[in-house]
């Protein structure tokens, strides 16, 4: 039995001000490539086959949690493909949900992705990763009660918080390019400290962001208005918490986005270093290679499109 699940880009957190009683909220998109593929079958012990030790350990921890929950002893999992951790593509959530869903299917149990997320501590800040896994497409989540969450903090420090609801989901029509340079990888205590230092975000920035999302970004996807969509993406890089995420990134990432925005629509996924761009593929790839060469660093350039279906088990 095999599961294939999407990566995702996280275009931005909406409200890290919290003055009206809710925080977080997210905008994102499920992607066909890169993807996570895991094969599995029943076993007496937990056996994980993977050439990446960090992913192997994470999968083992999730498998142990899920097996304990459903009252089974073991499983064999072979991770055939994966994508970089802490790069803005949602690796942690997809590993947790994929391992959980596959084990449940192998043993004939019913486990909803939201239940798996709660068991494995995912979705405490953004609901985009869970939504991308379950539904695919372009997604907006509604955040959390500030009273329930208690403070501004990332998912890794938000264990026990109920995953955010998806309040908008639509098929996404346009292809895109990912550029994944060697850059700063933000996670763990460093991520917690950033939330503490920079939040709350000024209310006027949150208000502008909400206005753009509700009255321009969402209609642009429904009406397939590429120019309106792209204009919002470009503006979002300099608003709210995304502004903070970009300011903390490496010079190569900043240079990529500034130069790509001269010919296309471009942004930073989560804390990065993954950069995404919509527009003429040849121009995007040419600029990306030029910037990577300028800084003399390596990087991956991936042509991809939206995953509008979510995960698949076969």
C-alpha atoms as a PDB file:
ATOM      1  CA  UNK A   1       0.000   0.000   0.000  1.00  0.00           C
ATOM      2  CA  UNK A   2       1.295   3.472  -0.851  1.00  0.00           C
ATOM      3  CA  UNK A   3       0.478   7.092   0.028  1.00  0.00           C
ATOM      4  CA  UNK A   4       1.425  10.173  -1.999  1.00  0.00           C
ATOM      5  CA  UNK A   5       0.950  13.588  -0.412  1.00  0.00           C
ATOM      6  CA  UNK A   6       1.658  17.137  -1.609  1.00  0.00           C
ATOM      7  CA  UNK A   7       4.133  19.737  -0.498  1.00  0.00           C
ATOM      8  CA  UNK A   8       2.788  23.225   0.054  1.00  0.00           C
ATOM      9  CA  UNK A   9       3.818  26.845  -0.051  1.00  0.00           C
ATOM     10  CA  UNK A  10       2.715  29.072   2.813  1.00  0.00           C
ATOM     11  CA  UNK A  11       2.071  32.535   1.428  1.00  0.00           C
ATOM     12  CA  UNK A  12       1.533  34.247   4.755  1.00  0.00           C
ATOM     13  CA  UNK A  13       0.049  34.393   8.231  1.00  0.00           C
ATOM     14  CA  UNK A  14      -2.859  36.837   8.297  1.00  0.00           C
ATOM     15  CA  UNK A  15      -3.293  38.180  11.832  1.00  0.00           C
ATOM     16  CA  UNK A  16      -0.501  38.219  14.393  1.00  0.00           C
ATOM     17  CA  UNK A  17      -2.040  41.196  16.167  1.00  0.00           C
ATOM     18  CA  UNK A  18      -4.919  39.408  17.888  1.00  0.00           C
ATOM     19  CA  UNK A  19      -6.883  42.500  18.875  1.00  0.00           C
ATOM     20  CA  UNK A  20     -10.255  41.047  17.837  1.00  0.00           C
ATOM     21  CA  UNK A  21      -9.754  37.745  19.624  1.00  0.00           C
ATOM     22  CA  UNK A  22      -8.303  35.504  16.911  1.00  0.00           C
ATOM     23  CA  UNK A  23      -4.725  34.967  15.784  1.00  0.00           C
ATOM     24  CA  UNK A  24      -2.808  33.328  12.948  1.00  0.00           C
ATOM     25  CA  UNK A  25      -4.889  32.507   9.888  1.00  0.00           C
ATOM     26  CA  UNK A  26      -2.993  31.410   6.811  1.00  0.00           C
ATOM     27  CA  UNK A  27      -2.890  31.540   3.016  1.00  0.00           C
ATOM     28  CA  UNK A  28      -1.299  28.721   1.036  1.00  0.00           C
ATOM     29  CA  UNK A  29      -1.267  26.333  -1.887  1.00  0.00           C
ATOM     30  CA  UNK A  30      -0.831  22.548  -2.230  1.00  0.00           C
ATOM     31  CA  UNK A  31       1.749  21.469  -4.837  1.00  0.00           C
ATOM     32  CA  UNK A  32       2.169  18.435  -7.088  1.00  0.00           C
ATOM     33  CA  UNK A  33       5.974  18.576  -6.830  1.00  0.00           C
ATOM     34  CA  UNK A  34       7.895  17.957  -4.718  1.00  0.00           C
ATOM     35  CA  UNK A  35       5.832  15.223  -3.086  1.00  0.00           C
ATOM     36  CA  UNK A  36       6.112  12.679  -0.298  1.00  0.00           C
ATOM     37  CA  UNK A  37       5.713   8.993  -1.175  1.00  0.00           C
ATOM     38  CA  UNK A  38       5.639   6.228   1.434  1.00  0.00           C
ATOM     39  CA  UNK A  39       5.009   2.492   1.034  1.00  0.00           C
ATOM     40  CA  UNK A  40       3.815   0.460   3.984  1.00  0.00           C
ATOM     41  CA  UNK A  41       2.619  -2.905   5.275  1.00  0.00           C
ATOM     42  CA  UNK A  42       1.919  -4.689   8.549  1.00  0.00           C
ATOM     43  CA  UNK A  43       4.897  -5.745  10.671  1.00  0.00           C
ATOM     44  CA  UNK A  44       5.572  -7.004  14.199  1.00  0.00           C
ATOM     45  CA  UNK A  45       7.935  -4.094  14.878  1.00  0.00           C
ATOM     46  CA  UNK A  46       8.310  -0.494  13.704  1.00  0.00           C
ATOM     47  CA  UNK A  47      10.688  -0.595  10.750  1.00  0.00           C
ATOM     48  CA  UNK A  48      11.430   2.609   8.816  1.00  0.00           C
ATOM     49  CA  UNK A  49      13.489   2.549   5.622  1.00  0.00           C
ATOM     50  CA  UNK A  50      14.766   5.987   4.567  1.00  0.00           C
ATOM     51  CA  UNK A  51      18.104   7.475   3.525  1.00  0.00           C
ATOM     52  CA  UNK A  52      17.533  10.603   5.647  1.00  0.00           C
ATOM     53  CA  UNK A  53      18.058  10.018   9.375  1.00  0.00           C
ATOM     54  CA  UNK A  54      16.073  13.068  10.533  1.00  0.00           C
ATOM     55  CA  UNK A  55      13.034  12.084   8.491  1.00  0.00           C
ATOM     56  CA  UNK A  56      13.469   8.473   9.592  1.00  0.00           C
ATOM     57  CA  UNK A  57      13.386   9.521  13.271  1.00  0.00           C
ATOM     58  CA  UNK A  58      10.370  11.751  12.732  1.00  0.00           C
ATOM     59  CA  UNK A  59       8.465   8.988  10.917  1.00  0.00           C
ATOM     60  CA  UNK A  60       9.322   6.522  13.702  1.00  0.00           C
ATOM     61  CA  UNK A  61       7.977   8.878  16.373  1.00  0.00           C
ATOM     62  CA  UNK A  62       4.727   9.423  14.466  1.00  0.00           C
ATOM     63  CA  UNK A  63       4.327   5.701  13.770  1.00  0.00           C
ATOM     64  CA  UNK A  64       4.771   4.918  17.464  1.00  0.00           C
ATOM     65  CA  UNK A  65       2.114   7.482  18.419  1.00  0.00           C
ATOM     66  CA  UNK A  66      -0.424   6.265  15.865  1.00  0.00           C
ATOM     67  CA  UNK A  67       0.133   2.564  16.561  1.00  0.00           C
ATOM     68  CA  UNK A  68      -0.295   3.156  20.270  1.00  0.00           C
ATOM     69  CA  UNK A  69      -3.531   5.046  19.570  1.00  0.00           C
ATOM     70  CA  UNK A  70      -5.056   2.257  17.465  1.00  0.00           C
ATOM     71  CA  UNK A  71      -3.683  -0.591  19.599  1.00  0.00           C
ATOM     72  CA  UNK A  72      -1.306  -2.163  17.070  1.00  0.00           C
ATOM     73  CA  UNK A  73       2.348  -3.152  17.507  1.00  0.00           C
ATOM     74  CA  UNK A  74       4.289  -2.471  14.351  1.00  0.00           C
ATOM     75  CA  UNK A  75       4.501  -1.361  10.735  1.00  0.00           C
ATOM     76  CA  UNK A  76       7.028  -1.393   7.916  1.00  0.00           C
ATOM     77  CA  UNK A  77       7.401   1.939   6.089  1.00  0.00           C
ATOM     78  CA  UNK A  78       9.637   2.731   3.125  1.00  0.00           C
ATOM     79  CA  UNK A  79       9.969   6.444   2.347  1.00  0.00           C
ATOM     80  CA  UNK A  80      10.610   6.601  -1.397  1.00  0.00           C
ATOM     81  CA  UNK A  81      10.610  10.375  -1.871  1.00  0.00           C
ATOM     82  CA  UNK A  82      10.519  13.425   0.385  1.00  0.00           C
ATOM     83  CA  UNK A  83      11.354  17.137   0.339  1.00  0.00           C
ATOM     84  CA  UNK A  84      13.715  19.271   2.436  1.00  0.00           C
ATOM     85  CA  UNK A  85      12.888  19.901   6.072  1.00  0.00           C
ATOM     86  CA  UNK A  86      12.626  23.452   7.445  1.00  0.00           C
ATOM     87  CA  UNK A  87      12.616  24.928   3.941  1.00  0.00           C
ATOM     88  CA  UNK A  88       9.084  26.339   3.758  1.00  0.00           C
ATOM     89  CA  UNK A  89       7.456  23.345   2.047  1.00  0.00           C
ATOM     90  CA  UNK A  90       5.634  21.794   5.009  1.00  0.00           C
ATOM     91  CA  UNK A  91       7.676  18.610   5.375  1.00  0.00           C
ATOM     92  CA  UNK A  92       6.885  17.998   9.056  1.00  0.00           C
ATOM     93  CA  UNK A  93       3.115  18.133   8.676  1.00  0.00           C
ATOM     94  CA  UNK A  94       3.082  15.977   5.549  1.00  0.00           C
ATOM     95  CA  UNK A  95       5.256  13.299   7.186  1.00  0.00           C
ATOM     96  CA  UNK A  96       3.015  13.229  10.257  1.00  0.00           C
ATOM     97  CA  UNK A  97      -0.247  13.071   8.312  1.00  0.00           C
ATOM     98  CA  UNK A  98       1.032  10.652   5.668  1.00  0.00           C
ATOM     99  CA  UNK A  99       2.461   8.185   8.167  1.00  0.00           C
ATOM    100  CA  UNK A 100      -0.704   8.408  10.265  1.00  0.00           C
ATOM    101  CA  UNK A 101      -3.109   8.009   7.358  1.00  0.00           C
ATOM    102  CA  UNK A 102      -1.153   5.125   5.828  1.00  0.00           C
ATOM    103  CA  UNK A 103      -0.947   3.180   9.090  1.00  0.00           C
ATOM    104  CA  UNK A 104      -4.657   3.680   9.684  1.00  0.00           C
ATOM    105  CA  UNK A 105      -5.431   2.406   6.177  1.00  0.00           C
ATOM    106  CA  UNK A 106      -3.117  -0.610   6.540  1.00  0.00           C
ATOM    107  CA  UNK A 107      -4.983  -1.678   9.687  1.00  0.00           C
ATOM    108  CA  UNK A 108      -8.445  -0.799   8.392  1.00  0.00           C
ATOM    109  CA  UNK A 109      -9.050   2.074  10.822  1.00  0.00           C
ATOM    110  CA  UNK A 110     -10.721   5.413  10.231  1.00  0.00           C
ATOM    111  CA  UNK A 111      -8.532   8.371  11.227  1.00  0.00           C
ATOM    112  CA  UNK A 112      -9.345  11.833   9.872  1.00  0.00           C
ATOM    113  CA  UNK A 113      -6.330  14.041   9.064  1.00  0.00           C
ATOM    114  CA  UNK A 114      -7.460  16.504  11.738  1.00  0.00           C
ATOM    115  CA  UNK A 115      -7.435  13.749  14.346  1.00  0.00           C
ATOM    116  CA  UNK A 116      -3.955  12.685  13.209  1.00  0.00           C
ATOM    117  CA  UNK A 117      -2.811  16.316  13.441  1.00  0.00           C
ATOM    118  CA  UNK A 118      -4.007  16.561  17.046  1.00  0.00           C
ATOM    119  CA  UNK A 119      -2.330  13.270  17.978  1.00  0.00           C
ATOM    120  CA  UNK A 120       0.982  14.313  16.431  1.00  0.00           C
ATOM    121  CA  UNK A 121       1.004  17.977  17.460  1.00  0.00           C
ATOM    122  CA  UNK A 122       0.569  19.580  14.051  1.00  0.00           C
ATOM    123  CA  UNK A 123      -1.509  22.600  12.991  1.00  0.00           C
ATOM    124  CA  UNK A 124      -1.047  24.709  16.112  1.00  0.00           C
ATOM    125  CA  UNK A 125      -0.395  27.867  14.074  1.00  0.00           C
ATOM    126  CA  UNK A 126      -1.268  27.282  10.422  1.00  0.00           C
ATOM    127  CA  UNK A 127      -4.030  25.062   9.068  1.00  0.00           C
ATOM    128  CA  UNK A 128      -2.643  25.171   5.519  1.00  0.00           C
ATOM    129  CA  UNK A 129      -0.572  21.987   5.767  1.00  0.00           C
ATOM    130  CA  UNK A 130      -3.518  19.915   6.991  1.00  0.00           C
ATOM    131  CA  UNK A 131      -5.801  21.470   4.383  1.00  0.00           C
ATOM    132  CA  UNK A 132      -3.267  20.831   1.616  1.00  0.00           C
ATOM    133  CA  UNK A 133      -3.039  17.178   2.652  1.00  0.00           C
ATOM    134  CA  UNK A 134      -6.792  16.593   2.893  1.00  0.00           C
ATOM    135  CA  UNK A 135      -8.231  18.861   0.190  1.00  0.00           C
ATOM    136  CA  UNK A 136      -5.464  20.227  -2.042  1.00  0.00           C
ATOM    137  CA  UNK A 137      -5.873  23.505  -3.926  1.00  0.00           C
ATOM    138  CA  UNK A 138      -5.616  27.110  -2.772  1.00  0.00           C
ATOM    139  CA  UNK A 139      -6.493  27.469   0.903  1.00  0.00           C
ATOM    140  CA  UNK A 140      -7.195  30.036   3.593  1.00  0.00           C
ATOM    141  CA  UNK A 141      -7.597  29.059   7.230  1.00  0.00           C
ATOM    142  CA  UNK A 142      -9.378  30.995   9.959  1.00  0.00           C
ATOM    143  CA  UNK A 143      -6.770  30.873  12.709  1.00  0.00           C
ATOM    144  CA  UNK A 144      -7.363  30.263  16.389  1.00  0.00           C
ATOM    145  CA  UNK A 145      -9.061  31.765  19.388  1.00  0.00           C
ATOM    146  CA  UNK A 146      -6.414  33.910  21.068  1.00  0.00           C
ATOM    147  CA  UNK A 147      -7.879  32.932  24.432  1.00  0.00           C
ATOM    148  CA  UNK A 148      -7.369  29.238  23.631  1.00  0.00           C
ATOM    149  CA  UNK A 149      -3.868  29.672  22.213  1.00  0.00           C
ATOM    150  CA  UNK A 150      -2.698  32.113  24.873  1.00  0.00           C
ATOM    151  CA  UNK A 151       0.194  33.792  23.031  1.00  0.00           C
ATOM    152  CA  UNK A 152       1.911  34.329  19.693  1.00  0.00           C
ATOM    153  CA  UNK A 153       3.870  31.164  18.919  1.00  0.00           C
ATOM    154  CA  UNK A 154       4.659  28.715  16.093  1.00  0.00           C
ATOM    155  CA  UNK A 155       3.156  25.242  15.666  1.00  0.00           C
ATOM    156  CA  UNK A 156       6.153  23.590  17.315  1.00  0.00           C
ATOM    157  CA  UNK A 157       5.290  25.423  20.545  1.00  0.00           C
ATOM    158  CA  UNK A 158       1.507  25.136  20.225  1.00  0.00           C
ATOM    159  CA  UNK A 159       0.894  21.520  21.208  1.00  0.00           C
ATOM    160  CA  UNK A 160      -2.701  20.805  22.145  1.00  0.00           C
ATOM    161  CA  UNK A 161      -4.134  23.738  20.189  1.00  0.00           C
ATOM    162  CA  UNK A 162      -7.063  22.724  18.000  1.00  0.00           C
ATOM    163  CA  UNK A 163      -6.091  22.867  14.277  1.00  0.00           C
ATOM    164  CA  UNK A 164      -7.372  25.925  12.420  1.00  0.00           C
ATOM    165  CA  UNK A 165     -10.483  25.536  10.213  1.00  0.00           C
ATOM    166  CA  UNK A 166     -10.251  25.914   6.440  1.00  0.00           C
ATOM    167  CA  UNK A 167     -12.595  28.791   5.548  1.00  0.00           C
ATOM    168  CA  UNK A 168     -11.836  29.039   1.813  1.00  0.00           C
ATOM    169  CA  UNK A 169     -10.713  26.400  -0.684  1.00  0.00           C
ATOM    170  CA  UNK A 170     -10.595  26.612  -4.485  1.00  0.00           C
ATOM    171  CA  UNK A 171      -8.898  24.815  -7.366  1.00  0.00           C
ATOM    172  CA  UNK A 172      -5.829  26.774  -8.422  1.00  0.00           C
ATOM    173  CA  UNK A 173      -5.249  27.378 -12.155  1.00  0.00           C
ATOM    174  CA  UNK A 174      -1.645  28.582 -12.642  1.00  0.00           C
ATOM    175  CA  UNK A 175       1.727  26.809 -12.747  1.00  0.00           C
ATOM    176  CA  UNK A 176       4.690  28.116 -10.773  1.00  0.00           C
ATOM    177  CA  UNK A 177       8.432  27.807 -10.240  1.00  0.00           C
ATOM    178  CA  UNK A 178      10.125  26.997  -6.937  1.00  0.00           C
ATOM    179  CA  UNK A 179      13.652  28.164  -6.200  1.00  0.00           C
ATOM    180  CA  UNK A 180      15.225  26.516  -3.153  1.00  0.00           C
ATOM    181  CA  UNK A 181      18.609  28.122  -2.474  1.00  0.00           C
ATOM    182  CA  UNK A 182      20.980  27.422   0.328  1.00  0.00           C
ATOM    183  CA  UNK A 183      19.588  29.796   2.910  1.00  0.00           C
ATOM    184  CA  UNK A 184      18.570  30.287   6.500  1.00  0.00           C
ATOM    185  CA  UNK A 185      16.454  27.497   7.973  1.00  0.00           C
ATOM    186  CA  UNK A 186      14.331  28.795  10.848  1.00  0.00           C
ATOM    187  CA  UNK A 187      12.890  26.277  13.314  1.00  0.00           C
ATOM    188  CA  UNK A 188      12.843  25.219  16.948  1.00  0.00           C
ATOM    189  CA  UNK A 189      13.647  27.759  19.680  1.00  0.00           C
ATOM    190  CA  UNK A 190      14.799  30.320  17.121  1.00  0.00           C
ATOM    191  CA  UNK A 191      11.311  30.329  15.604  1.00  0.00           C
ATOM    192  CA  UNK A 192       9.722  30.706  19.052  1.00  0.00           C
ATOM    193  CA  UNK A 193      11.994  33.662  19.834  1.00  0.00           C
ATOM    194  CA  UNK A 194      11.067  35.410  16.574  1.00  0.00           C
ATOM    195  CA  UNK A 195       7.351  35.236  17.397  1.00  0.00           C
ATOM    196  CA  UNK A 196       8.031  36.662  20.863  1.00  0.00           C
ATOM    197  CA  UNK A 197      10.181  39.500  19.532  1.00  0.00           C
ATOM    198  CA  UNK A 198       8.098  40.699  16.588  1.00  0.00           C
ATOM    199  CA  UNK A 199       4.507  40.146  17.702  1.00  0.00           C
ATOM    200  CA  UNK A 200       2.025  41.741  17.869  1.00  0.00           C
ATOM    201  CA  UNK A 201       2.187  42.960  14.278  1.00  0.00           C
ATOM    202  CA  UNK A 202       0.862  46.544  13.774  1.00  0.00           C
ATOM    203  CA  UNK A 203      -2.918  46.509  13.344  1.00  0.00           C
ATOM    204  CA  UNK A 204      -2.842  48.726  10.226  1.00  0.00           C
ATOM    205  CA  UNK A 205      -0.718  46.120   8.418  1.00  0.00           C
ATOM    206  CA  UNK A 206      -3.102  43.323   9.395  1.00  0.00           C
ATOM    207  CA  UNK A 207      -6.054  45.377   8.181  1.00  0.00           C
ATOM    208  CA  UNK A 208      -4.418  46.058   4.812  1.00  0.00           C
ATOM    209  CA  UNK A 209      -3.543  42.383   4.441  1.00  0.00           C
ATOM    210  CA  UNK A 210      -7.111  41.287   5.232  1.00  0.00           C
ATOM    211  CA  UNK A 211      -8.492  43.815   2.757  1.00  0.00           C
ATOM    212  CA  UNK A 212      -6.186  42.552  -0.004  1.00  0.00           C
ATOM    213  CA  UNK A 213      -6.976  38.899   0.684  1.00  0.00           C
ATOM    214  CA  UNK A 214     -10.761  39.267   0.902  1.00  0.00           C
ATOM    215  CA  UNK A 215     -11.360  41.814  -1.844  1.00  0.00           C
ATOM    216  CA  UNK A 216      -8.614  41.015  -4.351  1.00  0.00           C
ATOM    217  CA  UNK A 217      -6.798  37.720  -3.819  1.00  0.00           C
ATOM    218  CA  UNK A 218      -9.811  35.443  -3.313  1.00  0.00           C
ATOM    219  CA  UNK A 219     -11.853  36.939  -6.186  1.00  0.00           C
ATOM    220  CA  UNK A 220      -8.799  36.772  -8.460  1.00  0.00           C
ATOM    221  CA  UNK A 221      -8.600  32.994  -8.054  1.00  0.00           C
ATOM    222  CA  UNK A 222     -12.322  32.454  -8.566  1.00  0.00           C
ATOM    223  CA  UNK A 223     -12.299  34.705 -11.658  1.00  0.00           C
ATOM    224  CA  UNK A 224      -8.828  33.549 -12.852  1.00  0.00           C
ATOM    225  CA  UNK A 225      -7.495  37.098 -12.881  1.00  0.00           C
ATOM    226  CA  UNK A 226      -3.744  36.486 -12.950  1.00  0.00           C
ATOM    227  CA  UNK A 227      -2.694  40.136 -12.716  1.00  0.00           C
ATOM    228  CA  UNK A 228      -4.777  40.855  -9.610  1.00  0.00           C
ATOM    229  CA  UNK A 229      -3.549  37.652  -7.992  1.00  0.00           C
ATOM    230  CA  UNK A 230       0.082  38.491  -8.677  1.00  0.00           C
ATOM    231  CA  UNK A 231      -0.181  42.063  -7.459  1.00  0.00           C
ATOM    232  CA  UNK A 232      -1.398  40.830  -4.074  1.00  0.00           C
ATOM    233  CA  UNK A 233       1.382  38.224  -3.846  1.00  0.00           C
ATOM    234  CA  UNK A 234       4.019  40.878  -4.507  1.00  0.00           C
ATOM    235  CA  UNK A 235       2.539  43.270  -1.941  1.00  0.00           C
ATOM    236  CA  UNK A 236       2.175  40.581   0.732  1.00  0.00           C
ATOM    237  CA  UNK A 237       5.963  40.196   0.967  1.00  0.00           C
ATOM    238  CA  UNK A 238       6.201  43.596   2.637  1.00  0.00           C
ATOM    239  CA  UNK A 239       3.235  43.356   5.001  1.00  0.00           C
ATOM    240  CA  UNK A 240       2.546  41.764   8.376  1.00  0.00           C
ATOM    241  CA  UNK A 241       4.521  38.777   9.608  1.00  0.00           C
ATOM    242  CA  UNK A 242       5.702  37.960   6.077  1.00  0.00           C
ATOM    243  CA  UNK A 243       7.671  41.209   6.152  1.00  0.00           C
ATOM    244  CA  UNK A 244       9.432  39.903   9.269  1.00  0.00           C
ATOM    245  CA  UNK A 245      10.110  36.491   7.706  1.00  0.00           C
ATOM    246  CA  UNK A 246      11.650  38.107   4.631  1.00  0.00           C
ATOM    247  CA  UNK A 247      13.752  40.581   6.635  1.00  0.00           C
ATOM    248  CA  UNK A 248      15.299  37.662   8.541  1.00  0.00           C
ATOM    249  CA  UNK A 249      16.253  35.735   5.408  1.00  0.00           C
ATOM    250  CA  UNK A 250      19.604  35.674   3.612  1.00  0.00           C
ATOM    251  CA  UNK A 251      20.612  38.265   1.029  1.00  0.00           C
ATOM    252  CA  UNK A 252      20.290  35.742  -1.795  1.00  0.00           C
ATOM    253  CA  UNK A 253      16.617  35.132  -0.913  1.00  0.00           C
ATOM    254  CA  UNK A 254      15.883  38.870  -0.734  1.00  0.00           C
ATOM    255  CA  UNK A 255      17.685  39.435  -4.032  1.00  0.00           C
ATOM    256  CA  UNK A 256      15.748  36.609  -5.670  1.00  0.00           C
ATOM    257  CA  UNK A 257      12.370  38.054  -4.702  1.00  0.00           C
ATOM    258  CA  UNK A 258      13.235  41.653  -5.617  1.00  0.00           C
ATOM    259  CA  UNK A 259      14.608  40.665  -9.028  1.00  0.00           C
ATOM    260  CA  UNK A 260      11.841  38.167  -9.774  1.00  0.00           C
ATOM    261  CA  UNK A 261       9.206  40.779  -8.968  1.00  0.00           C
ATOM    262  CA  UNK A 262      10.602  42.919 -11.795  1.00  0.00           C
ATOM    263  CA  UNK A 263       9.373  40.365 -14.365  1.00  0.00           C
ATOM    264  CA  UNK A 264       6.940  38.107 -12.435  1.00  0.00           C
ATOM    265  CA  UNK A 265       5.046  37.647  -9.178  1.00  0.00           C
ATOM    266  CA  UNK A 266       7.123  36.193  -6.395  1.00  0.00           C
ATOM    267  CA  UNK A 267       7.157  35.476  -2.676  1.00  0.00           C
ATOM    268  CA  UNK A 268       8.743  33.638   0.232  1.00  0.00           C
ATOM    269  CA  UNK A 269       7.150  30.427   1.494  1.00  0.00           C
ATOM    270  CA  UNK A 270       6.842  30.448   5.288  1.00  0.00           C
ATOM    271  CA  UNK A 271      10.258  31.326   6.794  1.00  0.00           C
ATOM    272  CA  UNK A 272      11.949  30.100   3.605  1.00  0.00           C
ATOM    273  CA  UNK A 273      14.389  29.703   2.080  1.00  0.00           C
ATOM    274  CA  UNK A 274      12.013  28.449  -0.648  1.00  0.00           C
ATOM    275  CA  UNK A 275      10.987  31.212  -3.053  1.00  0.00           C
ATOM    276  CA  UNK A 276       8.036  30.773  -5.441  1.00  0.00           C
ATOM    277  CA  UNK A 277       7.282  32.674  -8.642  1.00  0.00           C
ATOM    278  CA  UNK A 278       4.417  32.940 -11.135  1.00  0.00           C
ATOM    279  CA  UNK A 279       4.915  34.204 -14.666  1.00  0.00           C
ATOM    280  CA  UNK A 280       7.055  33.500 -17.731  1.00  0.00           C
ATOM    281  CA  UNK A 281       8.970  30.323 -16.857  1.00  0.00           C
ATOM    282  CA  UNK A 282      12.011  31.092 -19.020  1.00  0.00           C
ATOM    283  CA  UNK A 283      12.438  34.548 -17.499  1.00  0.00           C
ATOM    284  CA  UNK A 284      12.001  33.208 -13.963  1.00  0.00           C
ATOM    285  CA  UNK A 285      14.523  30.397 -14.428  1.00  0.00           C
ATOM    286  CA  UNK A 286      17.005  32.743 -16.109  1.00  0.00           C
ATOM    287  CA  UNK A 287      16.869  35.258 -13.249  1.00  0.00           C
ATOM    288  CA  UNK A 288      17.005  32.521 -10.616  1.00  0.00           C
ATOM    289  CA  UNK A 289      20.156  31.020 -12.146  1.00  0.00           C
ATOM    290  CA  UNK A 290      21.721  34.464 -12.480  1.00  0.00           C
ATOM    291  CA  UNK A 291      21.144  35.266  -8.792  1.00  0.00           C
ATOM    292  CA  UNK A 292      22.371  31.867  -7.597  1.00  0.00           C
ATOM    293  CA  UNK A 293      25.518  32.303  -9.705  1.00  0.00           C
ATOM    294  CA  UNK A 294      25.998  35.836  -8.380  1.00  0.00           C
ATOM    295  CA  UNK A 295      26.082  34.558  -4.791  1.00  0.00           C
ATOM    296  CA  UNK A 296      27.998  31.426  -5.825  1.00  0.00           C
ATOM    297  CA  UNK A 297      25.607  29.056  -4.080  1.00  0.00           C
ATOM    298  CA  UNK A 298      23.740  25.984  -5.221  1.00  0.00           C
ATOM    299  CA  UNK A 299      19.994  25.639  -5.328  1.00  0.00           C
ATOM    300  CA  UNK A 300      17.136  23.650  -6.789  1.00  0.00           C
ATOM    301  CA  UNK A 301      14.767  25.050  -9.419  1.00  0.00           C
ATOM    302  CA  UNK A 302      11.509  23.088  -9.743  1.00  0.00           C
ATOM    303  CA  UNK A 303       8.662  23.596 -12.208  1.00  0.00           C
ATOM    304  CA  UNK A 304       5.413  22.569 -10.562  1.00  0.00           C
ATOM    305  CA  UNK A 305       1.674  23.127 -10.393  1.00  0.00           C
ATOM    306  CA  UNK A 306      -1.124  23.004  -7.873  1.00  0.00           C
ATOM    307  CA  UNK A 307      -2.266  19.706  -6.384  1.00  0.00           C
ATOM    308  CA  UNK A 308      -6.036  20.197  -6.427  1.00  0.00           C
ATOM    309  CA  UNK A 309      -6.923  16.801  -4.940  1.00  0.00           C
ATOM    310  CA  UNK A 310      -4.902  16.287  -1.745  1.00  0.00           C
ATOM    311  CA  UNK A 311      -3.335  13.000  -0.709  1.00  0.00           C
ATOM    312  CA  UNK A 312      -3.843   9.665  -2.469  1.00  0.00           C
ATOM    313  CA  UNK A 313      -3.628   6.123  -1.099  1.00  0.00           C
ATOM    314  CA  UNK A 314      -3.298   3.268  -3.583  1.00  0.00           C
END
